[in-house]
Protein backbone atom coordinates (compact mmCIF):
# COMPACT_ATOMS: atom_id res chain seq x y z
CA MET A 1 -39.38 -47.19 4.99
CA SER A 2 -36.76 -45.52 2.81
CA LYS A 3 -33.63 -47.23 1.53
CA ILE A 4 -30.61 -45.60 -0.08
CA LEU A 5 -27.86 -47.49 -1.88
CA LEU A 6 -24.20 -46.51 -1.60
CA THR A 7 -21.95 -48.17 -4.18
CA GLY A 8 -18.19 -48.06 -3.73
CA ALA A 9 -18.75 -48.16 0.02
CA ALA A 10 -15.30 -49.65 0.72
CA GLY A 11 -13.48 -46.74 -0.97
CA GLY A 12 -12.09 -43.65 0.71
CA LEU A 13 -15.20 -41.48 0.36
CA GLY A 14 -17.46 -44.49 0.64
CA LYS A 15 -16.16 -45.11 4.16
CA VAL A 16 -16.72 -41.45 5.05
CA LEU A 17 -20.32 -41.45 3.79
CA ARG A 18 -21.05 -44.83 5.34
CA ALA A 19 -20.44 -43.28 8.73
CA LYS A 20 -22.01 -39.88 8.11
CA LEU A 21 -25.19 -41.07 6.39
CA ASN A 22 -26.07 -43.88 8.78
CA ASN A 23 -29.24 -42.16 10.02
CA PHE A 24 -30.06 -40.24 6.86
CA ARG A 25 -32.57 -42.87 5.68
CA ASP A 26 -34.19 -45.82 7.42
CA THR A 27 -31.68 -48.16 5.79
CA ILE A 28 -28.42 -47.69 3.89
CA ARG A 29 -27.46 -50.56 1.61
CA LEU A 30 -23.70 -50.74 1.15
CA SER A 31 -22.08 -52.36 -1.85
CA ASP A 32 -18.58 -52.97 -3.18
CA ILE A 33 -16.51 -55.80 -4.60
CA ALA A 34 -14.22 -55.42 -1.59
CA ASP A 35 -14.93 -56.63 1.94
CA LEU A 36 -17.21 -54.29 3.90
CA GLY A 37 -17.00 -56.09 7.23
CA GLN A 38 -20.05 -56.59 9.43
CA ALA A 39 -23.26 -54.65 8.94
CA GLN A 40 -23.94 -52.08 11.64
CA ALA A 41 -27.30 -50.70 12.76
CA ASN A 42 -29.42 -49.46 9.84
CA GLU A 43 -27.05 -51.11 7.33
CA GLU A 44 -27.37 -53.83 4.73
CA ILE A 45 -24.30 -55.21 2.94
CA VAL A 46 -24.47 -56.65 -0.56
CA GLN A 47 -21.25 -57.54 -2.35
CA CYS A 48 -21.64 -56.84 -6.05
CA ASP A 49 -19.59 -56.66 -9.24
CA LEU A 50 -21.13 -53.70 -11.05
CA SER A 51 -20.08 -55.06 -14.43
CA ASP A 52 -22.56 -57.94 -14.01
CA PHE A 53 -26.02 -56.66 -14.94
CA ASP A 54 -28.04 -59.38 -13.23
CA SER A 55 -26.14 -58.76 -10.00
CA VAL A 56 -26.82 -55.03 -10.24
CA LEU A 57 -30.50 -55.66 -10.90
CA ALA A 58 -30.68 -57.73 -7.72
CA LEU A 59 -28.67 -55.09 -5.82
CA LEU A 60 -31.28 -52.43 -6.61
CA GLU A 61 -34.24 -54.48 -5.40
CA GLY A 62 -36.16 -52.40 -2.84
CA VAL A 63 -33.89 -49.36 -3.24
CA ASP A 64 -35.37 -45.84 -3.45
CA GLU A 65 -32.27 -43.72 -4.14
CA ILE A 66 -28.69 -44.29 -5.28
CA ILE A 67 -25.34 -42.73 -4.43
CA HIS A 68 -23.09 -44.14 -7.13
CA LEU A 69 -19.46 -43.93 -6.08
CA GLY A 70 -18.52 -47.39 -7.32
CA GLY A 71 -15.82 -47.89 -9.94
CA VAL A 72 -12.19 -47.06 -10.60
CA SER A 73 -11.44 -43.72 -8.89
CA VAL A 74 -7.97 -43.02 -10.35
CA GLU A 75 -6.23 -43.41 -13.70
CA ASP A 76 -5.93 -47.06 -14.69
CA THR A 77 -5.84 -49.37 -17.69
CA PHE A 78 -8.60 -48.93 -20.23
CA ALA A 79 -9.78 -52.50 -19.60
CA ASN A 80 -10.31 -51.79 -15.90
CA ILE A 81 -11.98 -48.45 -16.58
CA LEU A 82 -14.22 -49.99 -19.23
CA SER A 83 -15.49 -52.69 -16.89
CA ALA A 84 -15.95 -50.64 -13.72
CA ASN A 85 -16.78 -47.14 -14.96
CA LEU A 86 -18.45 -47.53 -18.34
CA ILE A 87 -20.21 -50.88 -18.11
CA GLY A 88 -20.78 -50.53 -14.37
CA THR A 89 -22.34 -47.08 -14.64
CA TYR A 90 -24.56 -48.16 -17.54
CA ASN A 91 -25.73 -51.12 -15.47
CA ILE A 92 -26.63 -48.86 -12.56
CA TYR A 93 -28.72 -46.53 -14.73
CA GLU A 94 -30.41 -49.25 -16.73
CA ALA A 95 -31.22 -51.27 -13.62
CA ALA A 96 -32.56 -48.08 -12.02
CA ARG A 97 -34.84 -47.57 -15.02
CA GLN A 98 -36.14 -51.12 -14.77
CA LYS A 99 -36.67 -50.83 -11.02
CA GLY A 100 -38.36 -47.41 -11.18
CA ILE A 101 -35.68 -45.57 -9.16
CA LYS A 102 -35.90 -41.87 -9.92
CA ARG A 103 -32.96 -40.10 -8.28
CA ILE A 104 -29.22 -40.80 -8.49
CA LEU A 105 -26.08 -39.04 -7.35
CA PHE A 106 -23.34 -39.87 -9.83
CA ALA A 107 -19.82 -39.31 -8.52
CA SER A 108 -18.12 -37.55 -11.41
CA SER A 109 -14.74 -35.84 -11.18
CA ASN A 110 -12.89 -32.59 -11.73
CA HIS A 111 -10.78 -34.62 -14.16
CA THR A 112 -13.59 -34.31 -16.72
CA ILE A 113 -12.48 -30.70 -17.18
CA GLY A 114 -8.81 -30.95 -16.20
CA PHE A 115 -7.35 -29.45 -19.39
CA HIS A 116 -8.89 -26.03 -18.80
CA ASP A 117 -6.40 -23.38 -17.67
CA ARG A 118 -6.56 -22.37 -14.04
CA GLU A 119 -7.38 -18.80 -15.10
CA THR A 120 -10.68 -19.99 -16.61
CA ASN A 121 -13.65 -19.94 -14.26
CA LEU A 122 -15.92 -22.84 -15.18
CA ASP A 123 -19.63 -23.49 -14.72
CA ALA A 124 -21.77 -26.49 -15.61
CA SER A 125 -22.01 -25.48 -19.28
CA CYS A 126 -18.27 -25.57 -19.92
CA GLU A 127 -16.69 -27.83 -22.52
CA LEU A 128 -15.59 -31.25 -21.33
CA ARG A 129 -11.79 -31.42 -21.50
CA PRO A 130 -10.74 -34.58 -19.65
CA ASP A 131 -7.12 -34.94 -18.62
CA CYS A 132 -6.99 -38.77 -18.46
CA MET A 133 -8.94 -41.88 -19.42
CA TYR A 134 -10.48 -41.88 -15.95
CA GLY A 135 -11.78 -38.38 -16.70
CA VAL A 136 -13.08 -39.58 -20.07
CA SER A 137 -15.05 -42.31 -18.30
CA LYS A 138 -16.62 -39.77 -15.95
CA GLY A 139 -17.60 -37.60 -18.91
CA TYR A 140 -19.34 -40.67 -20.34
CA GLY A 141 -21.16 -41.10 -17.03
CA GLU A 142 -22.40 -37.50 -17.17
CA LEU A 143 -23.71 -38.02 -20.70
CA LEU A 144 -25.40 -41.24 -19.63
CA ALA A 145 -27.07 -39.44 -16.73
CA ARG A 146 -28.25 -36.70 -19.10
CA TYR A 147 -29.72 -39.32 -21.46
CA TYR A 148 -31.58 -41.17 -18.71
CA PHE A 149 -33.05 -37.91 -17.44
CA ASP A 150 -34.17 -36.67 -20.85
CA LYS A 151 -35.64 -39.99 -21.94
CA TYR A 152 -36.76 -41.65 -18.69
CA GLN A 153 -37.00 -38.78 -16.15
CA ILE A 154 -34.40 -40.24 -13.81
CA GLU A 155 -33.08 -37.19 -11.95
CA SER A 156 -29.32 -37.02 -11.51
CA ALA A 157 -26.75 -34.82 -9.86
CA CYS A 158 -23.34 -35.33 -11.44
CA VAL A 159 -20.95 -34.17 -8.74
CA ARG A 160 -17.56 -33.19 -10.12
CA ILE A 161 -15.69 -33.99 -6.93
CA GLY A 162 -12.61 -31.88 -6.35
CA SER A 163 -10.17 -33.22 -3.73
CA SER A 164 -11.97 -34.65 -0.74
CA PHE A 165 -9.51 -35.45 2.05
CA GLU A 166 -9.12 -34.44 5.67
CA LYS A 167 -6.94 -31.58 4.43
CA PRO A 168 -5.34 -30.52 1.12
CA LEU A 169 -2.44 -32.73 0.08
CA ASP A 170 -0.68 -30.07 -2.01
CA ARG A 171 -1.06 -26.44 -3.07
CA ARG A 172 -3.35 -27.28 -5.99
CA GLN A 173 -5.83 -28.72 -3.53
CA LEU A 174 -6.16 -25.38 -1.75
CA ALA A 175 -8.45 -24.57 -4.70
CA THR A 176 -10.08 -27.99 -5.16
CA TRP A 177 -10.51 -29.15 -1.55
CA LEU A 178 -13.89 -30.52 -0.46
CA SER A 179 -14.27 -31.15 3.25
CA PHE A 180 -16.02 -34.30 4.43
CA ASN A 181 -18.71 -32.18 6.11
CA ASP A 182 -19.40 -30.22 2.94
CA LEU A 183 -19.49 -33.46 0.94
CA THR A 184 -22.04 -34.89 3.35
CA SER A 185 -24.22 -31.79 3.29
CA LEU A 186 -24.16 -31.83 -0.53
CA VAL A 187 -25.21 -35.48 -0.67
CA LYS A 188 -28.07 -34.87 1.73
CA ARG A 189 -29.25 -31.79 -0.14
CA ILE A 190 -29.32 -33.64 -3.47
CA PHE A 191 -31.83 -36.09 -2.01
CA GLU A 192 -33.82 -33.50 -0.03
CA VAL A 193 -34.54 -30.93 -2.75
CA ASP A 194 -38.08 -31.13 -4.21
CA ARG A 195 -36.91 -31.08 -7.82
CA LEU A 196 -33.39 -31.97 -8.85
CA GLY A 197 -33.70 -32.37 -12.61
CA PHE A 198 -30.34 -32.93 -14.23
CA ALA A 199 -27.59 -31.01 -12.50
CA ILE A 200 -23.83 -30.76 -12.71
CA VAL A 201 -22.40 -29.68 -9.37
CA TYR A 202 -18.79 -28.88 -8.53
CA GLY A 203 -17.96 -30.62 -5.28
CA VAL A 204 -15.73 -28.02 -3.69
CA SER A 205 -15.67 -26.17 -0.38
CA ALA A 206 -15.78 -22.37 0.02
CA ASN A 207 -12.06 -21.91 -0.67
CA PRO A 208 -10.39 -18.51 -1.28
CA GLU A 209 -9.00 -19.64 -4.64
CA THR A 210 -11.71 -21.03 -6.88
CA TRP A 211 -11.96 -22.15 -10.51
CA TRP A 212 -15.56 -23.40 -10.46
CA ASN A 213 -18.96 -21.73 -10.24
CA ASN A 214 -22.13 -23.52 -9.12
CA HIS A 215 -24.64 -20.85 -10.15
CA GLN A 216 -26.38 -23.27 -12.53
CA ALA A 217 -27.06 -25.63 -9.62
CA ALA A 218 -28.31 -22.88 -7.30
CA HIS A 219 -31.79 -24.47 -7.22
CA ILE A 220 -30.36 -27.28 -5.09
CA GLY A 221 -29.68 -24.81 -2.30
CA TRP A 222 -26.30 -26.19 -1.26
CA HIS A 223 -23.87 -23.82 0.44
CA PRO A 224 -20.46 -25.18 1.52
CA VAL A 225 -19.23 -23.74 4.80
CA ASP A 226 -15.67 -25.02 5.17
CA SER A 227 -12.58 -23.43 3.62
CA SER A 228 -9.03 -24.45 2.80
CA ALA A 229 -7.85 -21.08 4.14
CA GLN A 230 -7.15 -22.74 7.50
CA PHE A 231 -4.36 -24.77 5.87
CA GLU A 232 -2.63 -22.07 3.81
CA GLN A 233 0.21 -21.58 6.27
CA GLU A 234 0.96 -25.26 6.74
CA GLU A 235 4.70 -25.78 6.30
CA TYR A 236 4.35 -28.61 3.79
CA LEU A 237 2.28 -26.35 1.53
CA ARG A 238 4.43 -23.23 1.95
CA ASN A 239 7.57 -25.20 1.04
CA GLU A 240 6.15 -26.72 -2.12
CA VAL A 241 8.14 -25.63 -5.19
CA ILE A 242 5.87 -24.18 -7.89
CA ASP A 243 6.62 -23.54 -11.57
CA PRO A 244 3.71 -21.50 -12.99
CA PHE A 245 4.58 -22.60 -16.54
CA SER A 246 4.57 -26.35 -15.93
CA PRO A 247 1.49 -28.25 -17.20
CA GLU A 248 0.87 -29.39 -13.63
CA VAL A 249 0.27 -25.78 -12.60
CA GLN A 250 -1.14 -24.41 -15.86
CA PHE A 251 -4.02 -26.86 -16.07
CA GLN A 252 -6.76 -27.49 -13.52
CA GLY A 253 -6.13 -31.24 -13.59
CA GLY A 254 -2.67 -30.84 -12.06
CA LYS A 255 -0.57 -33.99 -12.13
CA TYR A 256 -3.18 -35.83 -14.17
CA ALA A 257 -2.89 -33.27 -16.96
CA ALA A 258 0.89 -33.43 -16.86
CA ALA A 259 1.14 -37.23 -16.87
CA GLY A 260 1.69 -39.38 -19.93
CA HIS A 261 -0.48 -42.28 -21.05
CA PHE A 262 -1.01 -44.70 -18.18
CA GLU A 263 -0.30 -47.84 -20.20
CA ASP A 264 2.93 -46.65 -21.88
């Protein structure tokens, strides 16, 4: 009997994966600090504050694999990011070590590299250039995953998620869009491949405009099939006013790179 844990299951992508992964393993354990409603078939629900280590240790009891989406998913105060993203992610990895769990998907973000110009095509070896404190916290998570692989052989895929919505919300997302189906196929592949090792994967569909290259994660065998091309002629995207010299357009992080400090 196999059991996979999904943290952050009440969030936007957590809800998507809750539905799409229901039959992927014998049981999916769902966790969040928010209400998750009633458990459906093949589900277990455990409410958990990831900043509390003892609670996380109990959450991982009987778990074989982890999809770690839990935490703050947008820019926020440092105090909130510290608790949810830094302490919470450490607790997940350390509890996994103590429980003998050997494979984790860590939901990283394109905002770890948001201050690269759009003209620069990036792969997994590129310099971290976060565009916000949220991006800084995800860079920390990637380093933590690297450490736990090198020292304790816990395999991790750090997925630098682009923009995963039903459709792109603005013109920038024509390049960063990740369809829900491609997201699901990537998650499944990460847990199906014989050897994962430590991998950084750009979570992005097969869009015409691309800034990211997954050649260093080719051993996973993931091939996105959807494309943002179907949305290019949408009126709301065609009418968007673009200044190629604004920071929002110059840098891959878009509005996050152009924004000031969150707490000012």
